[in-house]
Amino acid sequence: MIDFDPHTRTWNLVLATSFHALRADPDGRVVCLGSGPRAIGPAVPIASGALPDDPFPRIGVDRQGRRDEVVTFGDHTWHEPTLKISFPGADGALPIRDVRLRYASHEIEAGADGRETLRIRLDDPAQPFSAWLCLRIDAALDVIERWLEVENRGEQPVLIEQLSSGTLHLPAGRWELLHAAGGWAAEFQSERVRLPVGTTLLESRSVHTGFVHHPFYLLSFEGGASESHGTVYFGQLAWSGSFRLAFEQRPNGALHVHGGYSPFDFALSSARVLSMRRSRRWWRRCAVGFVRRSASCSARTCRNPARTTTRPVWARWRRLRG
């Protein structure tokens, strides 16, 4: 179920055992209110969105606690961005490297397969540029599929320097990352690391599926999950090849996960509409072994191309070794 409260401009995405809530704040920035488990029962809104208009005591002077759904290089310049763009300067001047997205409208679509999709339109107040934050839910599988569509409404092309499907915000704490790495004839070796303060990258700079890193991750609190028990957050990019997953552990304990195209030697010149390929994320109070089975099931049921003429390249799912 996707519910919208027009009084607080709050959306609740309610799945079988979890939820994700977001809100357009008084400045028009779409922020994450929270996500995680919910009590089993009828699908009802979880978060009211009735928060103080001034979140400064919670986010701090350096904005470590902000939970923007789309982090833009303009509102933020010292944290990892979701979207970074250069607009053409006037009369040959230097490019304008500043994009700020504000809530304009939204729509909720019901698919023929029963899955609902939330599309939130975000406009730049100073540039002829828009983006759509898209979130599709599969309530039965507890899966949220998300992607970003951007549109240049001006006459001149803009240069996109960095583009992700969005940002996942997780509770403050010390986190462990489990991912797959390897090499030729030794693929999918399990690697478990504690995330340090700073940014940890899983990246592929090739245009094809490689052996070093894979676009899938599992996250748990330190020592909090094993093969047979525990609570994990896990996600997967819906394509392989050139990608980057950035795990930004901030000094205040907040963890932000960014997934999208690798920005290494990367630039897109957009004259009209560009659709970012999709990522999927789950929350489950379950063991690592169950995660593998659930992710494999979701990959089989969610293989729909994005709204582009180019089909995404899907990596084959295999069991992690370890």
C-alpha atoms as a PDB file:
ATOM      1  CA  MET A   1       0.000   0.000   0.000  1.00  0.00           C
ATOM      2  CA  ILE A   2       1.139   3.545  -0.799  1.00  0.00           C
ATOM      3  CA  ASP A   3      -0.615   6.226   1.267  1.00  0.00           C
ATOM      4  CA  PHE A   4      -0.309  10.032   0.983  1.00  0.00           C
ATOM      5  CA  ASP A   5      -1.295  12.524   3.692  1.00  0.00           C
ATOM      6  CA  PRO A   6      -1.854  15.942   2.017  1.00  0.00           C
ATOM      7  CA  HIS A   7      -1.822  17.803   5.350  1.00  0.00           C
ATOM      8  CA  THR A   8       1.756  16.813   6.228  1.00  0.00           C
ATOM      9  CA  ARG A   9       2.834  15.886   2.652  1.00  0.00           C
ATOM     10  CA  THR A  10       3.863  12.445   3.892  1.00  0.00           C
ATOM     11  CA  TRP A  11       4.025   9.205   1.932  1.00  0.00           C
ATOM     12  CA  ASN A  12       3.906   5.778   3.604  1.00  0.00           C
ATOM     13  CA  LEU A  13       4.994   2.721   1.630  1.00  0.00           C
ATOM     14  CA  VAL A  14       3.643  -0.199   3.632  1.00  0.00           C
ATOM     15  CA  LEU A  15       4.765  -3.738   2.811  1.00  0.00           C
ATOM     16  CA  ALA A  16       4.055  -7.112   4.400  1.00  0.00           C
ATOM     17  CA  THR A  17       6.412  -6.756   7.391  1.00  0.00           C
ATOM     18  CA  SER A  18       8.191  -3.439   6.741  1.00  0.00           C
ATOM     19  CA  PHE A  19       7.623   0.170   5.752  1.00  0.00           C
ATOM     20  CA  HIS A  20       9.327   3.190   4.239  1.00  0.00           C
ATOM     21  CA  ALA A  21       8.106   6.739   4.955  1.00  0.00           C
ATOM     22  CA  LEU A  22       9.120  10.026   3.361  1.00  0.00           C
ATOM     23  CA  ARG A  23       7.963  13.622   3.500  1.00  0.00           C
ATOM     24  CA  ALA A  24       8.227  16.894   1.587  1.00  0.00           C
ATOM     25  CA  ASP A  25       9.491  19.301   4.246  1.00  0.00           C
ATOM     26  CA  PRO A  26       8.596  23.042   4.406  1.00  0.00           C
ATOM     27  CA  ASP A  27      11.482  23.820   2.027  1.00  0.00           C
ATOM     28  CA  GLY A  28      10.176  21.274  -0.491  1.00  0.00           C
ATOM     29  CA  ARG A  29      13.035  18.824   0.020  1.00  0.00           C
ATOM     30  CA  VAL A  30      11.918  15.188   0.125  1.00  0.00           C
ATOM     31  CA  VAL A  31      13.374  13.533   3.228  1.00  0.00           C
ATOM     32  CA  CYS A  32      13.283  10.016   4.650  1.00  0.00           C
ATOM     33  CA  LEU A  33      11.295   9.774   7.890  1.00  0.00           C
ATOM     34  CA  GLY A  34      12.236   6.172   8.562  1.00  0.00           C
ATOM     35  CA  SER A  35      12.150   2.604   7.314  1.00  0.00           C
ATOM     36  CA  GLY A  36      12.281  -0.807   8.881  1.00  0.00           C
ATOM     37  CA  PRO A  37      10.037  -3.406  10.509  1.00  0.00           C
ATOM     38  CA  ARG A  38       6.366  -3.043  11.285  1.00  0.00           C
ATOM     39  CA  ALA A  39       3.878  -5.168  13.176  1.00  0.00           C
ATOM     40  CA  ILE A  40       2.247  -7.887  11.081  1.00  0.00           C
ATOM     41  CA  GLY A  41      -1.353  -6.956  10.346  1.00  0.00           C
ATOM     42  CA  PRO A  42      -3.468  -4.739   8.073  1.00  0.00           C
ATOM     43  CA  ALA A  43      -1.576  -2.205   5.971  1.00  0.00           C
ATOM     44  CA  VAL A  44      -1.944   1.172   7.698  1.00  0.00           C
ATOM     45  CA  PRO A  45       0.213   4.343   7.603  1.00  0.00           C
ATOM     46  CA  ILE A  46       3.123   4.176  10.054  1.00  0.00           C
ATOM     47  CA  ALA A  47       4.585   7.703  10.120  1.00  0.00           C
ATOM     48  CA  SER A  48       2.447  10.833  10.449  1.00  0.00           C
ATOM     49  CA  GLY A  49       5.058  13.298   9.236  1.00  0.00           C
ATOM     50  CA  ALA A  50       4.241  15.668  12.100  1.00  0.00           C
ATOM     51  CA  LEU A  51       7.828  16.738  12.791  1.00  0.00           C
ATOM     52  CA  PRO A  52       9.208  20.113  13.911  1.00  0.00           C
ATOM     53  CA  ASP A  53       9.855  22.343  10.913  1.00  0.00           C
ATOM     54  CA  ASP A  54      13.367  23.139  12.152  1.00  0.00           C
ATOM     55  CA  PRO A  55      15.365  19.885  12.345  1.00  0.00           C
ATOM     56  CA  PHE A  56      18.635  21.637  13.260  1.00  0.00           C
ATOM     57  CA  PRO A  57      18.971  20.019  16.743  1.00  0.00           C
ATOM     58  CA  ARG A  58      18.765  16.600  15.106  1.00  0.00           C
ATOM     59  CA  ILE A  59      20.991  17.108  12.076  1.00  0.00           C
ATOM     60  CA  GLY A  60      23.833  19.201  13.522  1.00  0.00           C
ATOM     61  CA  VAL A  61      25.733  22.145  12.123  1.00  0.00           C
ATOM     62  CA  ASP A  62      27.505  20.011   9.492  1.00  0.00           C
ATOM     63  CA  ARG A  63      24.229  18.409   8.334  1.00  0.00           C
ATOM     64  CA  GLN A  64      25.390  14.858   9.081  1.00  0.00           C
ATOM     65  CA  GLY A  65      21.888  13.898  10.116  1.00  0.00           C
ATOM     66  CA  ARG A  66      20.024  15.069   7.006  1.00  0.00           C
ATOM     67  CA  ARG A  67      18.175  12.236   5.264  1.00  0.00           C
ATOM     68  CA  ASP A  68      17.410  13.600   1.798  1.00  0.00           C
ATOM     69  CA  GLU A  69      15.998  11.019  -0.604  1.00  0.00           C
ATOM     70  CA  VAL A  70      17.888  12.690  -3.472  1.00  0.00           C
ATOM     71  CA  VAL A  71      21.140  14.297  -2.312  1.00  0.00           C
ATOM     72  CA  THR A  72      22.081  16.989  -4.823  1.00  0.00           C
ATOM     73  CA  PHE A  73      25.391  18.760  -5.365  1.00  0.00           C
ATOM     74  CA  GLY A  74      24.151  22.228  -4.511  1.00  0.00           C
ATOM     75  CA  ASP A  75      22.231  21.679  -1.303  1.00  0.00           C
ATOM     76  CA  HIS A  76      25.193  19.518  -0.230  1.00  0.00           C
ATOM     77  CA  THR A  77      28.771  19.929  -1.400  1.00  0.00           C
ATOM     78  CA  TRP A  78      30.777  17.925   1.145  1.00  0.00           C
ATOM     79  CA  HIS A  79      28.727  14.696   1.366  1.00  0.00           C
ATOM     80  CA  GLU A  80      28.295  12.000  -1.283  1.00  0.00           C
ATOM     81  CA  PRO A  81      25.674  13.233  -3.828  1.00  0.00           C
ATOM     82  CA  THR A  82      22.984  11.340  -5.685  1.00  0.00           C
ATOM     83  CA  LEU A  83      22.982  13.836  -8.533  1.00  0.00           C
ATOM     84  CA  LYS A  84      25.701  16.206  -9.750  1.00  0.00           C
ATOM     85  CA  ILE A  85      25.133  18.402 -12.816  1.00  0.00           C
ATOM     86  CA  SER A  86      26.856  21.216 -14.697  1.00  0.00           C
ATOM     87  CA  PHE A  87      24.493  23.702 -16.361  1.00  0.00           C
ATOM     88  CA  PRO A  88      25.814  25.881 -19.206  1.00  0.00           C
ATOM     89  CA  GLY A  89      26.918  29.360 -18.109  1.00  0.00           C
ATOM     90  CA  ALA A  90      25.555  32.488 -19.728  1.00  0.00           C
ATOM     91  CA  ASP A  91      27.499  33.988 -22.659  1.00  0.00           C
ATOM     92  CA  GLY A  92      30.408  31.580 -22.402  1.00  0.00           C
ATOM     93  CA  ALA A  93      30.814  31.889 -18.636  1.00  0.00           C
ATOM     94  CA  LEU A  94      31.962  28.962 -16.487  1.00  0.00           C
ATOM     95  CA  PRO A  95      29.399  26.161 -15.956  1.00  0.00           C
ATOM     96  CA  ILE A  96      26.942  26.418 -13.062  1.00  0.00           C
ATOM     97  CA  ARG A  97      27.566  23.349 -10.887  1.00  0.00           C
ATOM     98  CA  ASP A  98      24.568  23.727  -8.600  1.00  0.00           C
ATOM     99  CA  VAL A  99      21.311  21.740  -8.671  1.00  0.00           C
ATOM    100  CA  ARG A 100      18.573  21.954  -6.021  1.00  0.00           C
ATOM    101  CA  LEU A 101      15.436  19.865  -6.306  1.00  0.00           C
ATOM    102  CA  ARG A 102      12.118  20.788  -4.667  1.00  0.00           C
ATOM    103  CA  TYR A 103       8.799  18.951  -4.517  1.00  0.00           C
ATOM    104  CA  ALA A 104       6.378  19.890  -7.310  1.00  0.00           C
ATOM    105  CA  SER A 105       3.823  17.075  -7.576  1.00  0.00           C
ATOM    106  CA  HIS A 106       3.371  13.332  -7.371  1.00  0.00           C
ATOM    107  CA  GLU A 107       1.316  10.452  -8.709  1.00  0.00           C
ATOM    108  CA  ILE A 108       0.589   6.919  -7.548  1.00  0.00           C
ATOM    109  CA  GLU A 109       0.245   4.297 -10.248  1.00  0.00           C
ATOM    110  CA  ALA A 110      -1.235   0.806  -9.923  1.00  0.00           C
ATOM    111  CA  GLY A 111       0.334  -1.753 -12.240  1.00  0.00           C
ATOM    112  CA  ALA A 112      -1.436  -4.642 -13.923  1.00  0.00           C
ATOM    113  CA  ASP A 113       0.631  -7.007 -11.778  1.00  0.00           C
ATOM    114  CA  GLY A 114      -0.722  -5.425  -8.573  1.00  0.00           C
ATOM    115  CA  ARG A 115       2.464  -3.504  -7.702  1.00  0.00           C
ATOM    116  CA  GLU A 116       2.105   0.196  -6.905  1.00  0.00           C
ATOM    117  CA  THR A 117       4.559   2.889  -8.008  1.00  0.00           C
ATOM    118  CA  LEU A 118       5.081   6.293  -6.416  1.00  0.00           C
ATOM    119  CA  ARG A 119       6.455   8.986  -8.763  1.00  0.00           C
ATOM    120  CA  ILE A 120       7.518  12.264  -7.126  1.00  0.00           C
ATOM    121  CA  ARG A 121       8.352  15.180  -9.391  1.00  0.00           C
ATOM    122  CA  LEU A 122      11.149  17.470  -8.197  1.00  0.00           C
ATOM    123  CA  ASP A 123      11.939  20.781  -9.946  1.00  0.00           C
ATOM    124  CA  ASP A 124      14.970  23.039  -9.736  1.00  0.00           C
ATOM    125  CA  PRO A 125      13.704  26.539  -8.812  1.00  0.00           C
ATOM    126  CA  ALA A 126      16.402  28.283 -10.864  1.00  0.00           C
ATOM    127  CA  GLN A 127      17.045  25.971 -13.831  1.00  0.00           C
ATOM    128  CA  PRO A 128      14.729  24.323 -16.406  1.00  0.00           C
ATOM    129  CA  PHE A 129      15.459  20.904 -14.961  1.00  0.00           C
ATOM    130  CA  SER A 130      13.300  18.227 -13.314  1.00  0.00           C
ATOM    131  CA  ALA A 131      13.707  14.793 -11.767  1.00  0.00           C
ATOM    132  CA  TRP A 132      11.266  12.055 -10.848  1.00  0.00           C
ATOM    133  CA  LEU A 133      11.994   9.938  -7.805  1.00  0.00           C
ATOM    134  CA  CYS A 134      10.282   6.602  -8.491  1.00  0.00           C
ATOM    135  CA  LEU A 135       9.605   3.902  -5.897  1.00  0.00           C
ATOM    136  CA  ARG A 136       7.803   0.662  -6.711  1.00  0.00           C
ATOM    137  CA  ILE A 137       6.759  -1.754  -3.985  1.00  0.00           C
ATOM    138  CA  ASP A 138       6.329  -5.511  -4.023  1.00  0.00           C
ATOM    139  CA  ALA A 139       4.453  -5.902  -0.747  1.00  0.00           C
ATOM    140  CA  ALA A 140       4.544  -9.698  -0.649  1.00  0.00           C
ATOM    141  CA  LEU A 141       8.329  -9.873  -1.028  1.00  0.00           C
ATOM    142  CA  ASP A 142       9.045  -6.788   1.147  1.00  0.00           C
ATOM    143  CA  VAL A 143      10.962  -5.275  -1.774  1.00  0.00           C
ATOM    144  CA  ILE A 144      11.213  -1.608  -2.759  1.00  0.00           C
ATOM    145  CA  GLU A 145      12.484  -0.942  -6.263  1.00  0.00           C
ATOM    146  CA  ARG A 146      13.655   2.601  -6.949  1.00  0.00           C
ATOM    147  CA  TRP A 147      15.109   4.645  -9.761  1.00  0.00           C
ATOM    148  CA  LEU A 148      15.570   8.265 -10.811  1.00  0.00           C
ATOM    149  CA  GLU A 149      14.438   9.903 -14.051  1.00  0.00           C
ATOM    150  CA  VAL A 150      15.860  13.287 -15.013  1.00  0.00           C
ATOM    151  CA  GLU A 151      14.649  15.763 -17.641  1.00  0.00           C
ATOM    152  CA  ASN A 152      16.379  18.762 -19.138  1.00  0.00           C
ATOM    153  CA  ARG A 153      13.615  21.216 -20.080  1.00  0.00           C
ATOM    154  CA  GLY A 154      16.011  23.832 -21.468  1.00  0.00           C
ATOM    155  CA  GLU A 155      17.325  24.368 -24.978  1.00  0.00           C
ATOM    156  CA  GLN A 156      20.984  23.610 -24.193  1.00  0.00           C
ATOM    157  CA  PRO A 157      22.386  20.236 -23.093  1.00  0.00           C
ATOM    158  CA  VAL A 158      23.468  19.781 -19.486  1.00  0.00           C
ATOM    159  CA  LEU A 159      26.390  17.653 -18.303  1.00  0.00           C
ATOM    160  CA  ILE A 160      25.557  14.953 -15.737  1.00  0.00           C
ATOM    161  CA  GLU A 161      28.688  14.149 -13.738  1.00  0.00           C
ATOM    162  CA  GLN A 162      27.229  11.760 -11.146  1.00  0.00           C
ATOM    163  CA  LEU A 163      23.928   9.883 -11.030  1.00  0.00           C
ATOM    164  CA  SER A 164      22.562   7.283  -8.611  1.00  0.00           C
ATOM    165  CA  SER A 165      19.233   5.546  -8.131  1.00  0.00           C
ATOM    166  CA  GLY A 166      18.881   7.277  -4.764  1.00  0.00           C
ATOM    167  CA  THR A 167      20.135   7.134  -1.200  1.00  0.00           C
ATOM    168  CA  LEU A 168      19.283   4.622   1.518  1.00  0.00           C
ATOM    169  CA  HIS A 169      19.437   5.935   5.091  1.00  0.00           C
ATOM    170  CA  LEU A 170      20.026   3.426   7.894  1.00  0.00           C
ATOM    171  CA  PRO A 171      19.909   3.812  11.683  1.00  0.00           C
ATOM    172  CA  ALA A 172      22.975   5.087  13.506  1.00  0.00           C
ATOM    173  CA  GLY A 173      25.365   2.407  14.744  1.00  0.00           C
ATOM    174  CA  ARG A 174      28.440   0.371  13.889  1.00  0.00           C
ATOM    175  CA  TRP A 175      27.782  -1.621  10.743  1.00  0.00           C
ATOM    176  CA  GLU A 176      29.224  -4.685   9.050  1.00  0.00           C
ATOM    177  CA  LEU A 177      29.209  -5.127   5.287  1.00  0.00           C
ATOM    178  CA  LEU A 178      29.000  -8.539   3.634  1.00  0.00           C
ATOM    179  CA  HIS A 179      29.653  -8.586  -0.089  1.00  0.00           C
ATOM    180  CA  ALA A 180      31.049 -10.815  -2.815  1.00  0.00           C
ATOM    181  CA  ALA A 181      34.445 -10.388  -4.433  1.00  0.00           C
ATOM    182  CA  GLY A 182      36.892 -12.587  -6.299  1.00  0.00           C
ATOM    183  CA  GLY A 183      38.731 -13.178  -9.528  1.00  0.00           C
ATOM    184  CA  TRP A 184      38.930 -15.493 -12.496  1.00  0.00           C
ATOM    185  CA  ALA A 185      37.703 -18.979 -11.524  1.00  0.00           C
ATOM    186  CA  ALA A 186      37.267 -17.738  -7.933  1.00  0.00           C
ATOM    187  CA  GLU A 187      34.122 -15.621  -8.150  1.00  0.00           C
ATOM    188  CA  PHE A 188      31.685 -14.793  -5.353  1.00  0.00           C
ATOM    189  CA  GLN A 189      33.994 -15.112  -2.367  1.00  0.00           C
ATOM    190  CA  SER A 190      32.311 -13.788   0.793  1.00  0.00           C
ATOM    191  CA  GLU A 191      33.960 -10.737   2.348  1.00  0.00           C
ATOM    192  CA  ARG A 192      32.784  -9.383   5.716  1.00  0.00           C
ATOM    193  CA  VAL A 193      34.203  -6.039   6.894  1.00  0.00           C
ATOM    194  CA  ARG A 194      33.383  -3.503   9.564  1.00  0.00           C
ATOM    195  CA  LEU A 195      32.600  -0.157   7.990  1.00  0.00           C
ATOM    196  CA  PRO A 196      34.985   2.564   9.217  1.00  0.00           C
ATOM    197  CA  VAL A 197      34.078   6.226   9.519  1.00  0.00           C
ATOM    198  CA  GLY A 198      34.406   7.517   5.983  1.00  0.00           C
ATOM    199  CA  THR A 199      33.291   6.139   2.613  1.00  0.00           C
ATOM    200  CA  THR A 200      33.746   2.499   1.565  1.00  0.00           C
ATOM    201  CA  LEU A 201      33.407   1.767  -2.159  1.00  0.00           C
ATOM    202  CA  LEU A 202      32.437  -1.320  -4.135  1.00  0.00           C
ATOM    203  CA  GLU A 203      33.050  -0.446  -7.751  1.00  0.00           C
ATOM    204  CA  SER A 204      33.362  -1.779 -11.265  1.00  0.00           C
ATOM    205  CA  ARG A 205      34.858   0.463 -13.935  1.00  0.00           C
ATOM    206  CA  SER A 206      34.342  -1.884 -16.850  1.00  0.00           C
ATOM    207  CA  VAL A 207      31.359  -1.978 -19.180  1.00  0.00           C
ATOM    208  CA  HIS A 208      30.702  -5.655 -18.547  1.00  0.00           C
ATOM    209  CA  THR A 209      30.249  -7.975 -15.595  1.00  0.00           C
ATOM    210  CA  GLY A 210      33.530  -8.427 -13.769  1.00  0.00           C
ATOM    211  CA  PHE A 211      34.975 -10.784 -11.191  1.00  0.00           C
ATOM    212  CA  VAL A 212      36.158  -8.324  -8.535  1.00  0.00           C
ATOM    213  CA  HIS A 213      32.961  -6.843  -7.082  1.00  0.00           C
ATOM    214  CA  HIS A 214      29.276  -7.552  -7.591  1.00  0.00           C
ATOM    215  CA  PRO A 215      26.354  -5.089  -7.307  1.00  0.00           C
ATOM    216  CA  PHE A 216      24.874  -6.683  -4.176  1.00  0.00           C
ATOM    217  CA  TYR A 217      25.363  -6.066  -0.457  1.00  0.00           C
ATOM    218  CA  LEU A 218      24.166  -7.141   2.980  1.00  0.00           C
ATOM    219  CA  LEU A 219      24.386  -4.886   6.032  1.00  0.00           C
ATOM    220  CA  SER A 220      23.954  -5.724   9.707  1.00  0.00           C
ATOM    221  CA  PHE A 221      24.947  -4.207  13.015  1.00  0.00           C
ATOM    222  CA  GLU A 222      28.355  -5.405  14.134  1.00  0.00           C
ATOM    223  CA  GLY A 223      28.074  -9.048  15.179  1.00  0.00           C
ATOM    224  CA  GLY A 224      24.325  -8.966  14.579  1.00  0.00           C
ATOM    225  CA  ALA A 225      23.799 -11.540  11.825  1.00  0.00           C
ATOM    226  CA  SER A 226      25.019 -14.965  10.763  1.00  0.00           C
ATOM    227  CA  GLU A 227      24.007 -17.664   8.316  1.00  0.00           C
ATOM    228  CA  SER A 228      21.178 -18.864  10.572  1.00  0.00           C
ATOM    229  CA  HIS A 229      19.987 -15.816  12.578  1.00  0.00           C
ATOM    230  CA  GLY A 230      20.043 -12.037  12.790  1.00  0.00           C
ATOM    231  CA  THR A 231      18.674  -8.892  11.138  1.00  0.00           C
ATOM    232  CA  VAL A 232      20.007  -7.647   7.822  1.00  0.00           C
ATOM    233  CA  TYR A 233      19.387  -4.886   5.316  1.00  0.00           C
ATOM    234  CA  PHE A 234      20.263  -5.896   1.794  1.00  0.00           C
ATOM    235  CA  GLY A 235      20.161  -4.362  -1.653  1.00  0.00           C
ATOM    236  CA  GLN A 236      21.061  -4.955  -5.266  1.00  0.00           C
ATOM    237  CA  LEU A 237      21.570  -2.843  -8.366  1.00  0.00           C
ATOM    238  CA  ALA A 238      19.484  -4.111 -11.262  1.00  0.00           C
ATOM    239  CA  TRP A 239      22.379  -4.128 -13.714  1.00  0.00           C
ATOM    240  CA  SER A 240      26.035  -5.034 -13.897  1.00  0.00           C
ATOM    241  CA  GLY A 241      29.008  -3.464 -15.623  1.00  0.00           C
ATOM    242  CA  SER A 242      30.040   0.057 -14.664  1.00  0.00           C
ATOM    243  CA  PHE A 243      28.601   0.680 -11.201  1.00  0.00           C
ATOM    244  CA  ARG A 244      29.502   1.993  -7.775  1.00  0.00           C
ATOM    245  CA  LEU A 245      28.106   1.306  -4.307  1.00  0.00           C
ATOM    246  CA  ALA A 246      29.219   3.881  -1.727  1.00  0.00           C
ATOM    247  CA  PHE A 247      28.722   3.211   2.002  1.00  0.00           C
ATOM    248  CA  GLU A 248      29.089   6.531   3.806  1.00  0.00           C
ATOM    249  CA  GLN A 249      29.544   5.984   7.561  1.00  0.00           C
ATOM    250  CA  ARG A 250      29.512   9.427   9.161  1.00  0.00           C
ATOM    251  CA  PRO A 251      31.107  10.314  12.515  1.00  0.00           C
ATOM    252  CA  ASN A 252      27.693  10.631  14.171  1.00  0.00           C
ATOM    253  CA  GLY A 253      27.006   6.962  13.343  1.00  0.00           C
ATOM    254  CA  ALA A 254      24.574   7.577  10.481  1.00  0.00           C
ATOM    255  CA  LEU A 255      24.985   5.270   7.468  1.00  0.00           C
ATOM    256  CA  HIS A 256      24.010   6.352   3.964  1.00  0.00           C
ATOM    257  CA  VAL A 257      24.163   3.961   0.992  1.00  0.00           C
ATOM    258  CA  HIS A 258      24.414   5.308  -2.561  1.00  0.00           C
ATOM    259  CA  GLY A 259      24.171   3.098  -5.639  1.00  0.00           C
ATOM    260  CA  GLY A 260      24.458   3.992  -9.293  1.00  0.00           C
ATOM    261  CA  TYR A 261      26.751   4.539 -12.241  1.00  0.00           C
ATOM    262  CA  SER A 262      30.468   4.664 -11.501  1.00  0.00           C
ATOM    263  CA  PRO A 263      31.497   8.346 -11.752  1.00  0.00           C
ATOM    264  CA  PHE A 264      35.019   7.337 -12.863  1.00  0.00           C
ATOM    265  CA  ASP A 265      35.680   8.809 -16.324  1.00  0.00           C
ATOM    266  CA  PHE A 266      31.915   9.333 -16.575  1.00  0.00           C
ATOM    267  CA  ALA A 267      29.785  12.060 -18.142  1.00  0.00           C
ATOM    268  CA  LEU A 268      26.347  12.124 -19.762  1.00  0.00           C
ATOM    269  CA  SER A 269      25.137  14.966 -21.918  1.00  0.00           C
ATOM    270  CA  SER A 270      21.371  15.119 -21.542  1.00  0.00           C
ATOM    271  CA  ALA A 271      19.272  17.082 -23.994  1.00  0.00           C
ATOM    272  CA  ARG A 272      15.944  15.655 -22.891  1.00  0.00           C
ATOM    273  CA  VAL A 273      14.949  12.713 -20.665  1.00  0.00           C
ATOM    274  CA  LEU A 274      17.236  10.134 -19.060  1.00  0.00           C
ATOM    275  CA  SER A 275      16.040   7.260 -16.883  1.00  0.00           C
ATOM    276  CA  MET A 276      18.387   5.923 -14.228  1.00  0.00           C
ATOM    277  CA  ARG A 277      18.407   2.136 -14.045  1.00  0.00           C
ATOM    278  CA  ARG A 278      16.964   0.560 -10.962  1.00  0.00           C
ATOM    279  CA  SER A 279      18.095  -0.615  -7.598  1.00  0.00           C
ATOM    280  CA  ARG A 280      16.235  -2.793  -5.135  1.00  0.00           C
ATOM    281  CA  ARG A 281      16.467  -2.908  -1.392  1.00  0.00           C
ATOM    282  CA  TRP A 282      14.956  -5.024   1.341  1.00  0.00           C
ATOM    283  CA  TRP A 283      14.701  -5.124   5.092  1.00  0.00           C
ATOM    284  CA  ARG A 284      14.331  -8.494   6.738  1.00  0.00           C
ATOM    285  CA  ARG A 285      14.669  -9.845  10.259  1.00  0.00           C
ATOM    286  CA  CYS A 286      16.178 -13.024   8.919  1.00  0.00           C
ATOM    287  CA  ALA A 287      19.363 -14.983   8.422  1.00  0.00           C
ATOM    288  CA  VAL A 288      21.924 -14.430   5.689  1.00  0.00           C
ATOM    289  CA  GLY A 289      20.910 -17.712   4.065  1.00  0.00           C
ATOM    290  CA  PHE A 290      17.299 -16.552   3.719  1.00  0.00           C
ATOM    291  CA  VAL A 291      18.476 -13.301   2.125  1.00  0.00           C
ATOM    292  CA  ARG A 292      20.075 -15.192  -0.735  1.00  0.00           C
ATOM    293  CA  ARG A 293      16.848 -17.064  -1.491  1.00  0.00           C
ATOM    294  CA  SER A 294      14.689 -13.939  -1.216  1.00  0.00           C
ATOM    295  CA  ALA A 295      16.961 -11.896  -3.495  1.00  0.00           C
ATOM    296  CA  SER A 296      16.965 -14.661  -6.089  1.00  0.00           C
ATOM    297  CA  CYS A 297      13.155 -14.772  -6.019  1.00  0.00           C
ATOM    298  CA  SER A 298      12.902 -11.001  -6.436  1.00  0.00           C
ATOM    299  CA  ALA A 299      15.297 -11.012  -9.385  1.00  0.00           C
ATOM    300  CA  ARG A 300      13.015 -13.476 -11.170  1.00  0.00           C
ATOM    301  CA  THR A 301       9.814 -11.475 -10.540  1.00  0.00           C
ATOM    302  CA  CYS A 302      11.132  -7.910 -11.088  1.00  0.00           C
ATOM    303  CA  ARG A 303      12.785  -8.248 -14.475  1.00  0.00           C
ATOM    304  CA  ASN A 304      11.038  -5.330 -16.149  1.00  0.00           C
ATOM    305  CA  PRO A 305      13.081  -2.832 -18.178  1.00  0.00           C
ATOM    306  CA  ALA A 306      13.251   0.806 -17.085  1.00  0.00           C
ATOM    307  CA  ARG A 307      11.531   3.471 -19.134  1.00  0.00           C
ATOM    308  CA  THR A 308      14.246   3.639 -21.750  1.00  0.00           C
ATOM    309  CA  THR A 309      14.901   2.013 -25.089  1.00  0.00           C
ATOM    310  CA  THR A 310      17.963   0.276 -23.647  1.00  0.00           C
ATOM    311  CA  ARG A 311      17.369  -2.855 -21.591  1.00  0.00           C
ATOM    312  CA  PRO A 312      19.413  -3.230 -18.410  1.00  0.00           C
ATOM    313  CA  VAL A 313      22.062  -5.934 -18.297  1.00  0.00           C
ATOM    314  CA  TRP A 314      21.233  -8.427 -15.566  1.00  0.00           C
ATOM    315  CA  ALA A 315      23.915 -10.271 -13.653  1.00  0.00           C
ATOM    316  CA  ARG A 316      23.216 -13.932 -13.027  1.00  0.00           C
ATOM    317  CA  TRP A 317      22.493 -14.747  -9.376  1.00  0.00           C
ATOM    318  CA  ARG A 318      24.763 -17.284  -7.729  1.00  0.00           C
ATOM    319  CA  ARG A 319      25.237 -18.491  -4.191  1.00  0.00           C
ATOM    320  CA  LEU A 320      27.886 -16.672  -2.196  1.00  0.00           C
ATOM    321  CA  ARG A 321      30.746 -18.886  -1.169  1.00  0.00           C
ATOM    322  CA  GLY A 322      31.871 -18.839   2.419  1.00  0.00           C
END
